[in-house]
PDB file of N, CA and C in Angstrom:
ATOM      1  N   UNK A   1     -58.889  72.904   6.998  1.00  0.00           N
ATOM      2  CA  UNK A   1     -57.505  73.088   6.635  1.00  0.00           C
ATOM      3  C   UNK A   1     -56.896  71.760   6.197  1.00  0.00           C
ATOM      4  N   UNK A   2     -57.057  70.763   7.026  1.00  0.00           N
ATOM      5  CA  UNK A   2     -56.509  69.451   6.703  1.00  0.00           C
ATOM      6  C   UNK A   2     -57.113  68.890   5.426  1.00  0.00           C
ATOM      7  N   UNK A   3     -58.438  69.066   5.255  1.00  0.00           N
ATOM      8  CA  UNK A   3     -59.093  68.598   4.040  1.00  0.00           C
ATOM      9  C   UNK A   3     -58.531  69.286   2.805  1.00  0.00           C
ATOM     10  N   UNK A   4     -58.284  70.581   2.913  1.00  0.00           N
ATOM     11  CA  UNK A   4     -57.750  71.335   1.766  1.00  0.00           C
ATOM     12  C   UNK A   4     -56.344  70.856   1.409  1.00  0.00           C
ATOM     13  N   UNK A   5     -55.507  70.667   2.407  1.00  0.00           N
ATOM     14  CA  UNK A   5     -54.162  70.163   2.134  1.00  0.00           C
ATOM     15  C   UNK A   5     -54.228  68.773   1.494  1.00  0.00           C
ATOM     16  N   UNK A   6     -55.124  67.939   1.999  1.00  0.00           N
ATOM     17  CA  UNK A   6     -55.256  66.596   1.462  1.00  0.00           C
ATOM     18  C   UNK A   6     -55.783  66.645   0.020  1.00  0.00           C
ATOM     19  N   UNK A   7     -56.792  67.463  -0.230  1.00  0.00           N
ATOM     20  CA  UNK A   7     -57.356  67.607  -1.571  1.00  0.00           C
ATOM     21  C   UNK A   7     -56.302  68.087  -2.571  1.00  0.00           C
ATOM     22  N   UNK A   8     -55.456  69.018  -2.132  1.00  0.00           N
ATOM     23  CA  UNK A   8     -54.410  69.568  -3.001  1.00  0.00           C
ATOM     24  C   UNK A   8     -53.154  68.690  -3.041  1.00  0.00           C
ATOM     25  N   UNK A   9     -53.203  67.559  -2.309  1.00  0.00           N
ATOM     26  CA  UNK A   9     -52.101  66.599  -2.246  1.00  0.00           C
ATOM     27  C   UNK A   9     -50.793  67.235  -1.777  1.00  0.00           C
ATOM     28  N   UNK A  10     -50.912  68.096  -0.767  1.00  0.00           N
ATOM     29  CA  UNK A  10     -49.739  68.731  -0.170  1.00  0.00           C
ATOM     30  C   UNK A  10     -49.122  67.732   0.811  1.00  0.00           C
ATOM     31  N   UNK A  11     -47.884  67.332   0.593  1.00  0.00           N
ATOM     32  CA  UNK A  11     -47.254  66.388   1.520  1.00  0.00           C
ATOM     33  C   UNK A  11     -46.933  67.066   2.849  1.00  0.00           C
ATOM     34  N   UNK A  12     -47.407  66.481   3.923  1.00  0.00           N
ATOM     35  CA  UNK A  12     -47.223  67.048   5.261  1.00  0.00           C
ATOM     36  C   UNK A  12     -46.123  66.284   5.977  1.00  0.00           C
ATOM     37  N   UNK A  13     -45.126  67.038   6.418  1.00  0.00           N
ATOM     38  CA  UNK A  13     -44.046  66.474   7.217  1.00  0.00           C
ATOM     39  C   UNK A  13     -44.333  66.709   8.691  1.00  0.00           C
ATOM     40  N   UNK A  14     -43.337  67.130   9.437  1.00  0.00           N
ATOM     41  CA  UNK A  14     -43.547  67.412  10.853  1.00  0.00           C
ATOM     42  C   UNK A  14     -44.562  68.532  11.055  1.00  0.00           C
ATOM     43  N   UNK A  15     -45.365  68.394  12.102  1.00  0.00           N
ATOM     44  CA  UNK A  15     -46.333  69.425  12.488  1.00  0.00           C
ATOM     45  C   UNK A  15     -45.947  69.878  13.889  1.00  0.00           C
ATOM     46  N   UNK A  16     -45.492  71.127  13.996  1.00  0.00           N
ATOM     47  CA  UNK A  16     -45.090  71.695  15.283  1.00  0.00           C
ATOM     48  C   UNK A  16     -46.132  72.712  15.708  1.00  0.00           C
ATOM     49  N   UNK A  17     -46.447  72.732  16.997  1.00  0.00           N
ATOM     50  CA  UNK A  17     -47.497  73.606  17.491  1.00  0.00           C
ATOM     51  C   UNK A  17     -47.081  74.339  18.755  1.00  0.00           C
ATOM     52  N   UNK A  18     -47.652  75.523  18.897  1.00  0.00           N
ATOM     53  CA  UNK A  18     -47.604  76.231  20.172  1.00  0.00           C
ATOM     54  C   UNK A  18     -48.226  75.341  21.238  1.00  0.00           C
ATOM     55  N   UNK A  19     -47.876  75.597  22.476  1.00  0.00           N
ATOM     56  CA  UNK A  19     -48.439  74.834  23.592  1.00  0.00           C
ATOM     57  C   UNK A  19     -49.830  75.335  23.992  1.00  0.00           C
ATOM     58  N   UNK A  20     -50.317  76.373  23.338  1.00  0.00           N
ATOM     59  CA  UNK A  20     -51.643  76.909  23.646  1.00  0.00           C
ATOM     60  C   UNK A  20     -52.703  76.018  22.980  1.00  0.00           C
ATOM     61  N   UNK A  21     -53.800  75.757  23.719  1.00  0.00           N
ATOM     62  CA  UNK A  21     -54.792  74.783  23.265  1.00  0.00           C
ATOM     63  C   UNK A  21     -55.382  75.113  21.899  1.00  0.00           C
ATOM     64  N   UNK A  22     -55.618  76.370  21.584  1.00  0.00           N
ATOM     65  CA  UNK A  22     -56.232  76.669  20.275  1.00  0.00           C
ATOM     66  C   UNK A  22     -55.304  76.289  19.127  1.00  0.00           C
ATOM     67  N   UNK A  23     -54.015  76.288  19.367  1.00  0.00           N
ATOM     68  CA  UNK A  23     -53.065  75.879  18.322  1.00  0.00           C
ATOM     69  C   UNK A  23     -52.977  74.368  18.218  1.00  0.00           C
ATOM     70  N   UNK A  24     -52.722  73.692  19.335  1.00  0.00           N
ATOM     71  CA  UNK A  24     -52.553  72.241  19.211  1.00  0.00           C
ATOM     72  C   UNK A  24     -53.852  71.539  18.867  1.00  0.00           C
ATOM     73  N   UNK A  25     -54.997  72.120  19.249  1.00  0.00           N
ATOM     74  CA  UNK A  25     -56.271  71.540  18.832  1.00  0.00           C
ATOM     75  C   UNK A  25     -56.467  71.706  17.319  1.00  0.00           C
ATOM     76  N   UNK A  26     -56.046  72.843  16.783  1.00  0.00           N
ATOM     77  CA  UNK A  26     -56.090  73.048  15.337  1.00  0.00           C
ATOM     78  C   UNK A  26     -55.204  72.031  14.634  1.00  0.00           C
ATOM     79  N   UNK A  27     -53.990  71.852  15.139  1.00  0.00           N
ATOM     80  CA  UNK A  27     -53.060  70.888  14.544  1.00  0.00           C
ATOM     81  C   UNK A  27     -53.638  69.475  14.593  1.00  0.00           C
ATOM     82  N   UNK A  28     -54.222  69.108  15.699  1.00  0.00           N
ATOM     83  CA  UNK A  28     -54.809  67.776  15.857  1.00  0.00           C
ATOM     84  C   UNK A  28     -55.967  67.575  14.880  1.00  0.00           C
ATOM     85  N   UNK A  29     -56.858  68.568  14.806  1.00  0.00           N
ATOM     86  CA  UNK A  29     -58.010  68.456  13.908  1.00  0.00           C
ATOM     87  C   UNK A  29     -57.588  68.427  12.438  1.00  0.00           C
ATOM     88  N   UNK A  30     -56.613  69.247  12.076  1.00  0.00           N
ATOM     89  CA  UNK A  30     -56.221  69.354  10.677  1.00  0.00           C
ATOM     90  C   UNK A  30     -55.309  68.218  10.215  1.00  0.00           C
ATOM     91  N   UNK A  31     -54.392  67.798  11.069  1.00  0.00           N
ATOM     92  CA  UNK A  31     -53.355  66.866  10.629  1.00  0.00           C
ATOM     93  C   UNK A  31     -53.312  65.556  11.410  1.00  0.00           C
ATOM     94  N   UNK A  32     -54.048  65.493  12.517  1.00  0.00           N
ATOM     95  CA  UNK A  32     -54.104  64.263  13.298  1.00  0.00           C
ATOM     96  C   UNK A  32     -52.890  63.992  14.151  1.00  0.00           C
ATOM     97  N   UNK A  33     -51.967  64.933  14.149  1.00  0.00           N
ATOM     98  CA  UNK A  33     -50.743  64.765  14.933  1.00  0.00           C
ATOM     99  C   UNK A  33     -50.046  66.107  15.064  1.00  0.00           C
ATOM    100  N   UNK A  34     -49.189  66.209  16.058  1.00  0.00           N
ATOM    101  CA  UNK A  34     -48.409  67.427  16.273  1.00  0.00           C
ATOM    102  C   UNK A  34     -47.383  67.176  17.358  1.00  0.00           C
ATOM    103  N   UNK A  35     -46.402  68.036  17.407  1.00  0.00           N
ATOM    104  CA  UNK A  35     -45.395  68.051  18.470  1.00  0.00           C
ATOM    105  C   UNK A  35     -45.432  69.451  19.066  1.00  0.00           C
ATOM    106  N   UNK A  36     -45.542  69.548  20.377  1.00  0.00           N
ATOM    107  CA  UNK A  36     -45.512  70.851  21.033  1.00  0.00           C
ATOM    108  C   UNK A  36     -44.097  71.415  20.958  1.00  0.00           C
ATOM    109  N   UNK A  37     -44.004  72.705  20.617  1.00  0.00           N
ATOM    110  CA  UNK A  37     -42.691  73.347  20.502  1.00  0.00           C
ATOM    111  C   UNK A  37     -42.792  74.765  21.066  1.00  0.00           C
ATOM    112  N   UNK A  38     -42.221  75.015  22.249  1.00  0.00           N
ATOM    113  CA  UNK A  38     -42.357  76.299  22.950  1.00  0.00           C
ATOM    114  C   UNK A  38     -41.996  77.554  22.157  1.00  0.00           C
ATOM    115  N   UNK A  39     -41.028  77.534  21.224  1.00  0.00           N
ATOM    116  CA  UNK A  39     -40.764  78.773  20.470  1.00  0.00           C
ATOM    117  C   UNK A  39     -41.971  79.288  19.677  1.00  0.00           C
ATOM    118  N   UNK A  40     -42.993  78.441  19.478  1.00  0.00           N
ATOM    119  CA  UNK A  40     -44.198  78.879  18.776  1.00  0.00           C
ATOM    120  C   UNK A  40     -45.238  79.486  19.710  1.00  0.00           C
ATOM    121  N   UNK A  41     -44.977  79.461  21.021  1.00  0.00           N
ATOM    122  CA  UNK A  41     -45.918  80.057  21.973  1.00  0.00           C
ATOM    123  C   UNK A  41     -46.022  81.561  21.751  1.00  0.00           C
ATOM    124  N   UNK A  42     -47.195  82.109  22.004  1.00  0.00           N
ATOM    125  CA  UNK A  42     -47.410  83.548  21.839  1.00  0.00           C
ATOM    126  C   UNK A  42     -46.551  84.333  22.822  1.00  0.00           C
ATOM    127  N   UNK A  43     -46.005  85.441  22.345  1.00  0.00           N
ATOM    128  CA  UNK A  43     -45.275  86.356  23.231  1.00  0.00           C
ATOM    129  C   UNK A  43     -46.041  87.670  23.379  1.00  0.00           C
ATOM    130  N   UNK A  44     -47.333  87.636  23.085  1.00  0.00           N
ATOM    131  CA  UNK A  44     -48.173  88.828  23.143  1.00  0.00           C
ATOM    132  C   UNK A  44     -48.107  89.525  24.502  1.00  0.00           C
ATOM    133  N   UNK A  45     -48.056  88.755  25.572  1.00  0.00           N
ATOM    134  CA  UNK A  45     -48.016  89.339  26.920  1.00  0.00           C
ATOM    135  C   UNK A  45     -46.603  89.627  27.417  1.00  0.00           C
ATOM    136  N   UNK A  46     -45.585  89.201  26.656  1.00  0.00           N
ATOM    137  CA  UNK A  46     -44.201  89.425  27.073  1.00  0.00           C
ATOM    138  C   UNK A  46     -43.302  89.466  25.843  1.00  0.00           C
ATOM    139  N   UNK A  47     -43.183  90.635  25.242  1.00  0.00           N
ATOM    140  CA  UNK A  47     -42.399  90.788  24.011  1.00  0.00           C
ATOM    141  C   UNK A  47     -40.895  90.633  24.234  1.00  0.00           C
ATOM    142  N   UNK A  48     -40.475  90.461  25.472  1.00  0.00           N
ATOM    143  CA  UNK A  48     -39.040  90.313  25.738  1.00  0.00           C
ATOM    144  C   UNK A  48     -38.474  89.030  25.126  1.00  0.00           C
ATOM    145  N   UNK A  49     -39.329  88.068  24.820  1.00  0.00           N
ATOM    146  CA  UNK A  49     -38.874  86.805  24.230  1.00  0.00           C
ATOM    147  C   UNK A  49     -39.027  86.768  22.706  1.00  0.00           C
ATOM    148  N   UNK A  50     -39.556  87.816  22.118  1.00  0.00           N
ATOM    149  CA  UNK A  50     -39.849  87.844  20.679  1.00  0.00           C
ATOM    150  C   UNK A  50     -38.642  87.505  19.813  1.00  0.00           C
ATOM    151  N   UNK A  51     -37.533  88.185  20.010  1.00  0.00           N
ATOM    152  CA  UNK A  51     -36.361  87.973  19.150  1.00  0.00           C
ATOM    153  C   UNK A  51     -35.817  86.557  19.262  1.00  0.00           C
ATOM    154  N   UNK A  52     -35.723  86.056  20.483  1.00  0.00           N
ATOM    155  CA  UNK A  52     -35.193  84.704  20.693  1.00  0.00           C
ATOM    156  C   UNK A  52     -36.110  83.649  20.074  1.00  0.00           C
ATOM    157  N   UNK A  53     -37.407  83.783  20.299  1.00  0.00           N
ATOM    158  CA  UNK A  53     -38.352  82.817  19.742  1.00  0.00           C
ATOM    159  C   UNK A  53     -38.351  82.870  18.217  1.00  0.00           C
ATOM    160  N   UNK A  54     -38.377  84.071  17.668  1.00  0.00           N
ATOM    161  CA  UNK A  54     -38.408  84.225  16.216  1.00  0.00           C
ATOM    162  C   UNK A  54     -37.147  83.639  15.590  1.00  0.00           C
ATOM    163  N   UNK A  55     -36.002  83.871  16.184  1.00  0.00           N
ATOM    164  CA  UNK A  55     -34.755  83.301  15.657  1.00  0.00           C
ATOM    165  C   UNK A  55     -34.776  81.783  15.736  1.00  0.00           C
ATOM    166  N   UNK A  56     -35.334  81.227  16.787  1.00  0.00           N
ATOM    167  CA  UNK A  56     -35.445  79.759  16.894  1.00  0.00           C
ATOM    168  C   UNK A  56     -36.291  79.191  15.755  1.00  0.00           C
ATOM    169  N   UNK A  57     -37.371  79.878  15.435  1.00  0.00           N
ATOM    170  CA  UNK A  57     -38.242  79.427  14.342  1.00  0.00           C
ATOM    171  C   UNK A  57     -37.509  79.531  12.999  1.00  0.00           C
ATOM    172  N   UNK A  58     -36.831  80.636  12.769  1.00  0.00           N
ATOM    173  CA  UNK A  58     -36.066  80.806  11.527  1.00  0.00           C
ATOM    174  C   UNK A  58     -35.026  79.699  11.390  1.00  0.00           C
ATOM    175  N   UNK A  59     -34.311  79.423  12.458  1.00  0.00           N
ATOM    176  CA  UNK A  59     -33.292  78.376  12.438  1.00  0.00           C
ATOM    177  C   UNK A  59     -33.909  77.019  12.119  1.00  0.00           C
ATOM    178  N   UNK A  60     -35.068  76.747  12.703  1.00  0.00           N
ATOM    179  CA  UNK A  60     -35.752  75.458  12.449  1.00  0.00           C
ATOM    180  C   UNK A  60     -36.175  75.349  10.989  1.00  0.00           C
ATOM    181  N   UNK A  61     -36.703  76.435  10.434  1.00  0.00           N
ATOM    182  CA  UNK A  61     -37.100  76.442   9.029  1.00  0.00           C
ATOM    183  C   UNK A  61     -35.876  76.241   8.140  1.00  0.00           C
ATOM    184  N   UNK A  62     -34.807  76.959   8.428  1.00  0.00           N
ATOM    185  CA  UNK A  62     -33.576  76.859   7.620  1.00  0.00           C
ATOM    186  C   UNK A  62     -32.990  75.455   7.632  1.00  0.00           C
ATOM    187  N   UNK A  63     -33.086  74.790   8.752  1.00  0.00           N
ATOM    188  CA  UNK A  63     -32.441  73.484   8.884  1.00  0.00           C
ATOM    189  C   UNK A  63     -33.351  72.322   8.471  1.00  0.00           C
ATOM    190  N   UNK A  64     -34.605  72.596   8.150  1.00  0.00           N
ATOM    191  CA  UNK A  64     -35.516  71.507   7.790  1.00  0.00           C
ATOM    192  C   UNK A  64     -35.117  70.888   6.459  1.00  0.00           C
ATOM    193  N   UNK A  65     -34.920  69.593   6.478  1.00  0.00           N
ATOM    194  CA  UNK A  65     -34.554  68.866   5.266  1.00  0.00           C
ATOM    195  C   UNK A  65     -35.304  67.544   5.202  1.00  0.00           C
ATOM    196  N   UNK A  66     -36.408  67.459   5.910  1.00  0.00           N
ATOM    197  CA  UNK A  66     -37.148  66.207   5.974  1.00  0.00           C
ATOM    198  C   UNK A  66     -38.107  66.023   4.817  1.00  0.00           C
ATOM    199  N   UNK A  67     -38.881  64.976   4.915  1.00  0.00           N
ATOM    200  CA  UNK A  67     -39.906  64.662   3.929  1.00  0.00           C
ATOM    201  C   UNK A  67     -41.111  65.575   4.129  1.00  0.00           C
ATOM    202  N   UNK A  68     -41.788  65.913   3.060  1.00  0.00           N
ATOM    203  CA  UNK A  68     -43.000  66.718   3.137  1.00  0.00           C
ATOM    204  C   UNK A  68     -42.694  68.161   3.492  1.00  0.00           C
ATOM    205  N   UNK A  69     -43.729  68.853   3.914  1.00  0.00           N
ATOM    206  CA  UNK A  69     -43.629  70.262   4.294  1.00  0.00           C
ATOM    207  C   UNK A  69     -43.702  70.404   5.804  1.00  0.00           C
ATOM    208  N   UNK A  70     -42.860  71.237   6.336  1.00  0.00           N
ATOM    209  CA  UNK A  70     -42.876  71.557   7.757  1.00  0.00           C
ATOM    210  C   UNK A  70     -44.073  72.462   8.023  1.00  0.00           C
ATOM    211  N   UNK A  71     -44.920  72.092   8.973  1.00  0.00           N
ATOM    212  CA  UNK A  71     -46.104  72.870   9.327  1.00  0.00           C
ATOM    213  C   UNK A  71     -45.916  73.433  10.728  1.00  0.00           C
ATOM    214  N   UNK A  72     -46.090  74.747  10.863  1.00  0.00           N
ATOM    215  CA  UNK A  72     -45.976  75.417  12.158  1.00  0.00           C
ATOM    216  C   UNK A  72     -47.320  76.043  12.490  1.00  0.00           C
ATOM    217  N   UNK A  73     -47.854  75.703  13.656  1.00  0.00           N
ATOM    218  CA  UNK A  73     -49.146  76.243  14.085  1.00  0.00           C
ATOM    219  C   UNK A  73     -48.875  77.170  15.260  1.00  0.00           C
ATOM    220  N   UNK A  74     -49.120  78.473  15.039  1.00  0.00           N
ATOM    221  CA  UNK A  74     -48.728  79.474  16.023  1.00  0.00           C
ATOM    222  C   UNK A  74     -49.716  80.638  16.031  1.00  0.00           C
ATOM    223  N   UNK A  75     -49.288  81.773  16.501  1.00  0.00           N
ATOM    224  CA  UNK A  75     -50.146  82.923  16.761  1.00  0.00           C
ATOM    225  C   UNK A  75     -49.824  84.090  15.836  1.00  0.00           C
ATOM    226  N   UNK A  76     -50.783  84.990  15.706  1.00  0.00           N
ATOM    227  CA  UNK A  76     -50.651  86.136  14.821  1.00  0.00           C
ATOM    228  C   UNK A  76     -49.394  86.941  15.121  1.00  0.00           C
ATOM    229  N   UNK A  77     -49.101  87.220  16.393  1.00  0.00           N
ATOM    230  CA  UNK A  77     -47.919  88.034  16.714  1.00  0.00           C
ATOM    231  C   UNK A  77     -46.634  87.340  16.286  1.00  0.00           C
ATOM    232  N   UNK A  78     -46.598  86.028  16.417  1.00  0.00           N
ATOM    233  CA  UNK A  78     -45.419  85.266  16.011  1.00  0.00           C
ATOM    234  C   UNK A  78     -45.264  85.287  14.493  1.00  0.00           C
ATOM    235  N   UNK A  79     -46.362  85.113  13.783  1.00  0.00           N
ATOM    236  CA  UNK A  79     -46.317  85.116  12.316  1.00  0.00           C
ATOM    237  C   UNK A  79     -45.878  86.481  11.806  1.00  0.00           C
ATOM    238  N   UNK A  80     -46.412  87.540  12.394  1.00  0.00           N
ATOM    239  CA  UNK A  80     -46.039  88.891  11.978  1.00  0.00           C
ATOM    240  C   UNK A  80     -44.563  89.160  12.248  1.00  0.00           C
ATOM    241  N   UNK A  81     -44.065  88.731  13.398  1.00  0.00           N
ATOM    242  CA  UNK A  81     -42.642  88.919  13.714  1.00  0.00           C
ATOM    243  C   UNK A  81     -41.764  88.155  12.725  1.00  0.00           C
ATOM    244  N   UNK A  82     -42.196  86.995  12.327  1.00  0.00           N
ATOM    245  CA  UNK A  82     -41.423  86.148  11.430  1.00  0.00           C
ATOM    246  C   UNK A  82     -41.455  86.632   9.981  1.00  0.00           C
ATOM    247  N   UNK A  83     -42.635  87.082   9.532  1.00  0.00           N
ATOM    248  CA  UNK A  83     -42.823  87.355   8.105  1.00  0.00           C
ATOM    249  C   UNK A  83     -43.067  88.819   7.763  1.00  0.00           C
ATOM    250  N   UNK A  84     -43.437  89.621   8.770  1.00  0.00           N
ATOM    251  CA  UNK A  84     -43.827  90.998   8.494  1.00  0.00           C
ATOM    252  C   UNK A  84     -45.233  91.111   7.957  1.00  0.00           C
ATOM    253  N   UNK A  85     -45.955  89.998   7.878  1.00  0.00           N
ATOM    254  CA  UNK A  85     -47.313  89.955   7.341  1.00  0.00           C
ATOM    255  C   UNK A  85     -48.328  89.838   8.465  1.00  0.00           C
ATOM    256  N   UNK A  86     -49.409  90.587   8.335  1.00  0.00           N
ATOM    257  CA  UNK A  86     -50.533  90.434   9.256  1.00  0.00           C
ATOM    258  C   UNK A  86     -51.421  89.315   8.731  1.00  0.00           C
ATOM    259  N   UNK A  87     -51.934  88.508   9.619  1.00  0.00           N
ATOM    260  CA  UNK A  87     -52.809  87.409   9.222  1.00  0.00           C
ATOM    261  C   UNK A  87     -54.083  87.437  10.050  1.00  0.00           C
ATOM    262  N   UNK A  88     -55.108  86.827   9.506  1.00  0.00           N
ATOM    263  CA  UNK A  88     -56.382  86.694  10.198  1.00  0.00           C
ATOM    264  C   UNK A  88     -56.473  85.303  10.805  1.00  0.00           C
ATOM    265  N   UNK A  89     -57.423  85.146  11.707  1.00  0.00           N
ATOM    266  CA  UNK A  89     -57.688  83.828  12.270  1.00  0.00           C
ATOM    267  C   UNK A  89     -58.097  82.897  11.128  1.00  0.00           C
ATOM    268  N   UNK A  90     -57.579  81.690  11.115  1.00  0.00           N
ATOM    269  CA  UNK A  90     -57.904  80.737  10.072  1.00  0.00           C
ATOM    270  C   UNK A  90     -57.144  80.958   8.774  1.00  0.00           C
ATOM    271  N   UNK A  91     -56.068  81.704   8.853  1.00  0.00           N
ATOM    272  CA  UNK A  91     -55.274  81.987   7.664  1.00  0.00           C
ATOM    273  C   UNK A  91     -53.862  81.450   7.869  1.00  0.00           C
ATOM    274  N   UNK A  92     -53.254  81.004   6.783  1.00  0.00           N
ATOM    275  CA  UNK A  92     -51.887  80.484   6.825  1.00  0.00           C
ATOM    276  C   UNK A  92     -50.997  81.336   5.942  1.00  0.00           C
ATOM    277  N   UNK A  93     -49.732  81.386   6.307  1.00  0.00           N
ATOM    278  CA  UNK A  93     -48.716  82.033   5.486  1.00  0.00           C
ATOM    279  C   UNK A  93     -47.762  80.931   5.019  1.00  0.00           C
ATOM    280  N   UNK A  94     -47.504  80.902   3.730  1.00  0.00           N
ATOM    281  CA  UNK A  94     -46.609  79.908   3.149  1.00  0.00           C
ATOM    282  C   UNK A  94     -45.258  80.576   2.929  1.00  0.00           C
ATOM    283  N   UNK A  95     -44.222  79.979   3.507  1.00  0.00           N
ATOM    284  CA  UNK A  95     -42.871  80.537   3.370  1.00  0.00           C
ATOM    285  C   UNK A  95     -41.917  79.456   2.865  1.00  0.00           C
ATOM    286  N   UNK A  96     -40.814  79.932   2.334  1.00  0.00           N
ATOM    287  CA  UNK A  96     -39.750  79.037   1.882  1.00  0.00           C
ATOM    288  C   UNK A  96     -38.436  79.700   2.250  1.00  0.00           C
ATOM    289  N   UNK A  97     -37.483  78.889   2.644  1.00  0.00           N
ATOM    290  CA  UNK A  97     -36.161  79.433   2.933  1.00  0.00           C
ATOM    291  C   UNK A  97     -35.304  79.336   1.690  1.00  0.00           C
ATOM    292  N   UNK A  98     -34.703  80.441   1.319  1.00  0.00           N
ATOM    293  CA  UNK A  98     -33.791  80.508   0.189  1.00  0.00           C
ATOM    294  C   UNK A  98     -32.397  80.764   0.746  1.00  0.00           C
ATOM    295  N   UNK A  99     -31.412  79.984   0.298  1.00  0.00           N
ATOM    296  CA  UNK A  99     -30.048  80.108   0.815  1.00  0.00           C
ATOM    297  C   UNK A  99     -29.480  81.514   0.642  1.00  0.00           C
ATOM    298  N   UNK A 100     -29.863  82.204  -0.406  1.00  0.00           N
ATOM    299  CA  UNK A 100     -29.322  83.533  -0.688  1.00  0.00           C
ATOM    300  C   UNK A 100     -30.179  84.641  -0.084  1.00  0.00           C
ATOM    301  N   UNK A 101     -31.493  84.557  -0.279  1.00  0.00           N
ATOM    302  CA  UNK A 101     -32.389  85.650   0.134  1.00  0.00           C
ATOM    303  C   UNK A 101     -33.037  85.464   1.493  1.00  0.00           C
ATOM    304  N   UNK A 102     -32.850  84.336   2.117  1.00  0.00           N
ATOM    305  CA  UNK A 102     -33.439  84.099   3.431  1.00  0.00           C
ATOM    306  C   UNK A 102     -34.880  83.632   3.337  1.00  0.00           C
ATOM    307  N   UNK A 103     -35.683  84.026   4.294  1.00  0.00           N
ATOM    308  CA  UNK A 103     -37.077  83.586   4.374  1.00  0.00           C
ATOM    309  C   UNK A 103     -37.921  84.367   3.367  1.00  0.00           C
ATOM    310  N   UNK A 104     -38.583  83.646   2.480  1.00  0.00           N
ATOM    311  CA  UNK A 104     -39.419  84.264   1.456  1.00  0.00           C
ATOM    312  C   UNK A 104     -40.883  83.933   1.723  1.00  0.00           C
ATOM    313  N   UNK A 105     -41.747  84.930   1.725  1.00  0.00           N
ATOM    314  CA  UNK A 105     -43.182  84.708   1.852  1.00  0.00           C
ATOM    315  C   UNK A 105     -43.717  84.434   0.456  1.00  0.00           C
ATOM    316  N   UNK A 106     -44.293  83.249   0.259  1.00  0.00           N
ATOM    317  CA  UNK A 106     -44.825  82.858  -1.046  1.00  0.00           C
ATOM    318  C   UNK A 106     -46.286  83.259  -1.209  1.00  0.00           C
ATOM    319  N   UNK A 107     -47.004  83.379  -0.089  1.00  0.00           N
ATOM    320  CA  UNK A 107     -48.410  83.764  -0.167  1.00  0.00           C
ATOM    321  C   UNK A 107     -49.169  83.390   1.088  1.00  0.00           C
ATOM    322  N   UNK A 108     -50.447  83.727   1.081  1.00  0.00           N
ATOM    323  CA  UNK A 108     -51.354  83.426   2.185  1.00  0.00           C
ATOM    324  C   UNK A 108     -52.454  82.496   1.681  1.00  0.00           C
ATOM    325  N   UNK A 109     -52.986  81.672   2.586  1.00  0.00           N
ATOM    326  CA  UNK A 109     -54.135  80.827   2.295  1.00  0.00           C
ATOM    327  C   UNK A 109     -55.169  81.100   3.366  1.00  0.00           C
ATOM    328  N   UNK A 110     -56.372  81.477   2.956  1.00  0.00           N
ATOM    329  CA  UNK A 110     -57.473  81.706   3.893  1.00  0.00           C
ATOM    330  C   UNK A 110     -58.340  80.454   3.902  1.00  0.00           C
ATOM    331  N   UNK A 111     -58.503  79.861   5.078  1.00  0.00           N
ATOM    332  CA  UNK A 111     -59.260  78.627   5.207  1.00  0.00           C
ATOM    333  C   UNK A 111     -60.697  78.853   5.653  1.00  0.00           C
ATOM    334  N   UNK A 112     -61.130  80.069   5.740  1.00  0.00           N
ATOM    335  CA  UNK A 112     -62.512  80.339   6.190  1.00  0.00           C
ATOM    336  C   UNK A 112     -63.409  80.668   5.035  1.00  0.00           C
TER     337      UNK A 112
END
C-alpha cells in the first residue's frame, strides 16, 4: 500500500488508525507513522456506538485542511457505515468532502 502511494506520488498527510493492532500495524508498515484515534475502532461487537463514531469521522474529514491527504485506517463495518460501500481486506475507499453534496466516494483501490 505504502509503495503504491509513493509510486503514484500521493501526498500523505495525517495517518489516523484504529487502536486495533491489525490497523495500526498496517499504518506503520505502509506509512511509517500513525496516530491512534478511537472513533476508528470497530463497533462490530457493539453497534450502539456506530452513529457517534461515524459522525466523528465525518466531522474530521469535513474539517481537514492540512497538507497532503488524510489517511484513515479502520475496519470494514466502519467503512460501510461511512460510505455505504462494502470493502474487502486490503482494499481502500477514496472519499472527498464536497461542501454542497457532502461525502463523495471517488472509488476503491485494491492493494492485493
